Amino acid sequence: MFSIPIRLLLALLIGAIIGLERESDGQGSRASSVGGIRTYALAALLGALAGFFQAEGVPVLFFAITGFMVVATLVYYIIGSLMTKRLGLTSEISFLITFLLGFMAMSDIISPQLVVTVLVVTLLILSLKSTTKRFMGGVSKYEVQSFISYGLIALVILPLLPDTAVRMSDIPYLQTILSGYSVGLGEFANLEIFNPRKIWFIVALVTGIDVAGYMLGKVFGNKKSFTIASLVGGFISSTSTTQSLAQKSKRSGIVNPFVGAAILANMTSFLQVFLLVGPINSLWLVAITPTLLAIILASGLIGGIYLVKDDNKKVEGGTREDVVKDKKIFALKPAVKFACLLIAVKLVTKVCLILFGNYGFIISSVIASFAGIDAIVLNLADMAGKLISFKTALFTFILVNATNLLSKSVYTFLQSSRAFAVRFFVSVLVIIAASFVGIVLL
């Protein structure tokens, strides 16, 4: 596509640009870079020459140049490390990448456009040195261990689990025992109890949401933003955040800002539904999107109105830790308990569906929602379009959400001032009314 002189010029430009970045980072000092513009330009030129000889079928010169670059870089690293006690490899690796980019600029292995793309990505990574140092300066050993643990949960254990459903008929000796009482499994024979991979996926999903919530708190917590703290707290646990805000309102005598923050915390939990449902049943997520948007819009408007109202008292800023006392990045034990709760909810609701039809399923789901709606939402996502219709699943979701919000209102009447409880209750009624928009549109 390009002539040899143009390719040589491209290689020189690549080396000069990387050298400029390295030189500007440390003015060519040994502590930060192998060299500057000239050194990196020569490295890219040598790479281009190696690419030329390789294309022309002269392997001796190709291997000679390549071997010289590798040995020279290695010797430089060893001597420099002994002199400066620095063990970093960034400069040496960037030097070899420059050589490789020069080689690719001359050869036809990849297109020049892709070479330029790799150059841009390399420059971006190299330029993030100060940002990376600042970020790592605030990362503790406990946080690193937590992230590694989550990697084991999501990337190691999950792929190894079998993606096979365990059904009632698979329970050893169950059919034999029931036969002794002249009882058969009947319709319950194919009732799915759990799927190991799907259940562990829920564990990974729930802990992943905790990790995401922690990262938000890490980014925004130091800003002492009352609103951000409430949003992040609601992302982790809207119920505990609402209770905490209700108690703070009672102690401080402030009402409106705390009501607004509690409503916004619950709005965040509605946003979380997108993360829970999307990976399980994207089609049902599309079907319930109008309902979710109506709930989120109503919550956002109500929360915003209360936040801007002045109680003539200053609301102290708080971080995520001020609203939610749990400082752990994620907790595996509660996630496993949640997965067990989900199995129980699935079994009860499916049994009620078989025995009593849709009405039995809806009633059992509503009763279970007093303990929280996350397990119910995941169960609905798993069953919608399969065992129950989208409309039945949506109607059940609206009812369990309404029940859960009303139960939080009961908590506020028990733990906060009457003014806070009444305003929160009225807000909840408006949100519940908005949720029925989805039934009309479906």
Foldseek 3Di string as FASTA:
>chain_A
DDDLVVLLVVLLVLQQVLQCLQCVVPVQDLVGAPGHRVLSSVLLNLLLVLLVCVVVVNVVSNCVSVVVLVVVLVVSQVVSCVVPVDNDCLRSVVSVVSSNLSNCSNHVPDDVVVSVVVSVVSSVVSVCVVVVVVVVVPDDPQNVVVVVVLCCLPPPVLVVFDQDFDAPLNPPCPQVVCVVVVDGCPPRRRQTLDGVNVLSVLLSLLLVLLLVLLVQLVVCQVVLAQLSLLQSLLSNPLLLLLLLLQQVCAVVVDALLSLLSSLNSVLSVLVCLCSLQCVQAVVLCVLQVQLSVLLNVLSNVSSVVSNPDDPVDDDGGGGNCSRPVDNDSGDSVVSNVLSVVLSVLLVQLVVLCVVPNLVRNLVSLLVSLCVPCSSVSNSLSNPDPPVDDSLSSLVSSLNSLLSNQVSSLVSSVVNHDPSNSVSSVVSSVSSSVSSCVSNVVD
